[in-house]
Amino acid sequence: MITYLERIIATINKVSFYIASFLVFCLMILTFSDVTGRYFIRPVTGTYELTGILLSLIVFLSLGYTQIKKGHISIGVLVDRFPPKIQAFVDVITYFVILIMLILMTQQTFIYAERSSANVTGELGIPVYLFINIGGIGISLFALAILLDFVKAVQRVVSKNHES
């Protein structure tokens, strides 16, 4: 069951990561066009707005995949010296707290998007709520990756085997 869940969550987060990677490419093209346009024709209108929007989407859409690949920074100076069962117990507590925070963040992000339904960007007039909702989706995908790690940590705590 966990393997099946892991495959689904990993696949969804990988697709999200590919979308973020494509947005990095779009950001590169946009920046190149803006810089070269300043010297030859004219700069691209709205580059500053689009850069901010794309950067936030890149961050939110890649959080879950980074968690699956264990790419986030962790400091284990003290915890790494504990036995595997205690390390797993600390992981359970840590993942639980993070999961609760991410659930609350997701909820508040969607509430904020709903409140921002009338807001548009200053120069291009793009509705802001669309991007806030995508950020909320990214946070929820991150929460799914944390949930998976939480379940694995609980499994390590309750297992009879003393290895991790």
Protein backbone atom coordinates (compact mmCIF):
# COMPACT_ATOMS: atom_id res chain seq x y z
CA MET A 1 0.00 0.00 0.00
CA ILE A 2 2.76 2.46 0.92
CA THR A 3 4.70 1.60 -2.22
CA TYR A 4 1.63 2.32 -4.33
CA LEU A 5 1.03 5.60 -2.48
CA GLU A 6 4.70 6.47 -2.84
CA ARG A 7 4.57 5.93 -6.61
CA ILE A 8 1.49 8.14 -6.99
CA ILE A 9 2.86 10.97 -4.82
CA ALA A 10 6.28 10.77 -6.49
CA THR A 11 4.72 10.88 -9.97
CA ILE A 12 2.51 13.87 -9.17
CA ASN A 13 5.44 15.74 -7.61
CA LYS A 14 7.67 14.85 -10.56
CA VAL A 15 5.12 16.34 -12.98
CA SER A 16 4.98 19.44 -10.78
CA PHE A 17 8.79 19.60 -10.87
CA TYR A 18 8.77 19.33 -14.67
CA ILE A 19 6.31 22.21 -14.83
CA ALA A 20 8.63 24.23 -12.55
CA SER A 21 11.56 23.34 -14.79
CA PHE A 22 9.64 24.55 -17.83
CA LEU A 23 8.90 27.79 -15.97
CA VAL A 24 12.64 28.22 -15.34
CA PHE A 25 13.14 27.91 -19.10
CA CYS A 26 10.38 30.49 -19.72
CA LEU A 27 11.98 32.80 -17.17
CA MET A 28 15.31 32.45 -18.96
CA ILE A 29 13.73 33.29 -22.34
CA LEU A 30 11.83 36.23 -20.81
CA THR A 31 14.95 37.65 -19.17
CA PHE A 32 17.02 37.20 -22.34
CA SER A 33 14.31 38.86 -24.44
CA ASP A 34 14.02 41.76 -22.02
CA VAL A 35 17.76 42.38 -21.82
CA THR A 36 18.38 42.12 -25.56
CA GLY A 37 15.21 44.10 -26.28
CA ARG A 38 16.56 47.04 -24.28
CA TYR A 39 19.44 47.39 -26.72
CA PHE A 40 17.74 46.66 -30.05
CA ILE A 41 14.00 47.35 -30.03
CA ARG A 42 12.38 47.91 -26.63
CA PRO A 43 12.21 45.95 -23.34
CA VAL A 44 9.47 43.38 -22.75
CA THR A 45 6.51 44.94 -20.95
CA GLY A 46 5.76 43.39 -17.56
CA THR A 47 9.06 41.54 -17.14
CA TYR A 48 9.36 42.57 -13.50
CA GLU A 49 5.85 41.26 -12.69
CA LEU A 50 6.26 38.05 -14.63
CA THR A 51 9.66 37.36 -13.06
CA GLY A 52 8.22 37.63 -9.56
CA ILE A 53 5.24 35.44 -10.44
CA LEU A 54 7.35 32.80 -12.18
CA LEU A 55 9.91 32.66 -9.37
CA SER A 56 7.20 32.07 -6.77
CA LEU A 57 5.61 29.35 -8.91
CA ILE A 58 9.00 27.68 -9.42
CA VAL A 59 9.57 27.54 -5.66
CA PHE A 60 6.10 26.27 -4.76
CA LEU A 61 5.93 23.67 -7.53
CA SER A 62 9.33 22.17 -6.72
CA LEU A 63 8.98 21.83 -2.92
CA GLY A 64 7.39 18.37 -2.96
CA TYR A 65 9.86 16.88 -5.41
CA THR A 66 12.74 18.30 -3.40
CA GLN A 67 11.31 16.60 -0.31
CA ILE A 68 11.00 13.27 -2.11
CA LYS A 69 14.63 13.53 -3.25
CA LYS A 70 15.66 14.61 0.29
CA GLY A 71 17.12 17.81 -1.10
CA HIS A 72 16.06 20.06 1.77
CA ILE A 73 18.68 21.09 4.29
CA SER A 74 18.64 19.18 7.56
CA ILE A 75 20.98 19.43 10.49
CA GLY A 76 21.39 16.23 12.44
CA VAL A 77 24.38 16.93 14.67
CA LEU A 78 22.58 15.60 17.74
CA VAL A 79 19.89 13.36 16.27
CA ASP A 80 22.34 11.40 14.09
CA ARG A 81 24.01 10.11 17.25
CA PHE A 82 20.76 8.56 18.56
CA PRO A 83 19.75 4.93 17.94
CA PRO A 84 17.64 4.35 14.80
CA LYS A 85 14.37 3.95 16.77
CA ILE A 86 14.83 7.30 18.50
CA GLN A 87 15.79 8.94 15.20
CA ALA A 88 12.57 7.56 13.70
CA PHE A 89 10.58 8.86 16.69
CA VAL A 90 12.09 12.33 16.25
CA ASP A 91 11.21 12.10 12.55
CA VAL A 92 7.61 11.22 13.45
CA ILE A 93 7.30 14.29 15.66
CA THR A 94 9.05 16.55 13.13
CA TYR A 95 7.00 15.34 10.16
CA PHE A 96 3.78 15.60 12.17
CA VAL A 97 4.45 19.24 13.12
CA ILE A 98 5.46 20.11 9.55
CA LEU A 99 2.39 18.33 8.16
CA ILE A 100 0.02 20.28 10.44
CA MET A 101 1.73 23.54 9.47
CA LEU A 102 1.51 22.71 5.75
CA ILE A 103 -2.17 21.81 6.03
CA LEU A 104 -2.83 25.17 7.70
CA MET A 105 -0.70 26.96 5.10
CA THR A 106 -2.58 25.28 2.26
CA GLN A 107 -5.92 26.21 3.77
CA GLN A 108 -4.89 29.84 4.32
CA THR A 109 -3.39 30.09 0.84
CA PHE A 110 -6.67 29.06 -0.79
CA ILE A 111 -8.61 31.43 1.48
CA TYR A 112 -6.23 34.22 0.49
CA ALA A 113 -6.67 33.35 -3.19
CA GLU A 114 -10.42 33.60 -2.79
CA ARG A 115 -10.08 37.01 -1.13
CA SER A 116 -7.76 38.15 -3.93
CA SER A 117 -10.14 37.26 -6.74
CA ALA A 118 -10.56 40.93 -7.72
CA ASN A 119 -6.83 41.78 -7.60
CA VAL A 120 -4.78 42.04 -10.77
CA THR A 121 -1.12 42.78 -11.41
CA GLY A 122 -0.24 46.43 -11.89
CA GLU A 123 1.20 46.51 -15.36
CA LEU A 124 -0.27 43.54 -17.22
CA GLY A 125 -3.60 43.19 -15.40
CA ILE A 126 -3.22 39.44 -14.81
CA PRO A 127 -5.54 38.02 -12.10
CA VAL A 128 -3.40 37.27 -9.05
CA TYR A 129 -5.64 34.56 -7.58
CA LEU A 130 -4.64 32.12 -10.34
CA PHE A 131 -1.03 32.12 -9.20
CA ILE A 132 -1.94 32.02 -5.52
CA ASN A 133 -4.03 28.90 -6.21
CA ILE A 134 -1.09 27.28 -8.02
CA GLY A 135 1.06 28.10 -4.99
CA GLY A 136 -1.55 26.40 -2.79
CA ILE A 137 -1.41 23.33 -5.01
CA GLY A 138 2.37 23.31 -4.65
CA ILE A 139 2.10 23.49 -0.86
CA SER A 140 -0.42 20.64 -0.85
CA LEU A 141 1.91 18.50 -2.98
CA PHE A 142 4.68 19.25 -0.47
CA ALA A 143 2.27 18.19 2.31
CA LEU A 144 1.66 14.89 0.49
CA ALA A 145 5.40 14.23 0.35
CA ILE A 146 5.68 15.02 4.07
CA LEU A 147 2.71 12.74 4.78
CA LEU A 148 4.49 9.92 3.00
CA ASP A 149 7.66 10.51 5.04
CA PHE A 150 5.53 10.65 8.20
CA VAL A 151 3.96 7.27 7.45
CA LYS A 152 7.39 5.77 6.73
CA ALA A 153 8.75 7.17 10.02
CA VAL A 154 5.80 5.72 11.95
CA GLN A 155 6.45 2.41 10.24
CA ARG A 156 10.10 2.53 11.38
CA VAL A 157 9.04 3.29 14.96
CA VAL A 158 6.56 0.42 15.22
CA SER A 159 8.61 -2.15 13.32
CA LYS A 160 10.21 -4.97 15.29
CA ASN A 161 13.39 -4.68 13.27
CA HIS A 162 15.90 -2.36 14.95
CA GLU A 163 17.47 -1.17 11.70
CA SER A 164 16.22 1.85 9.76
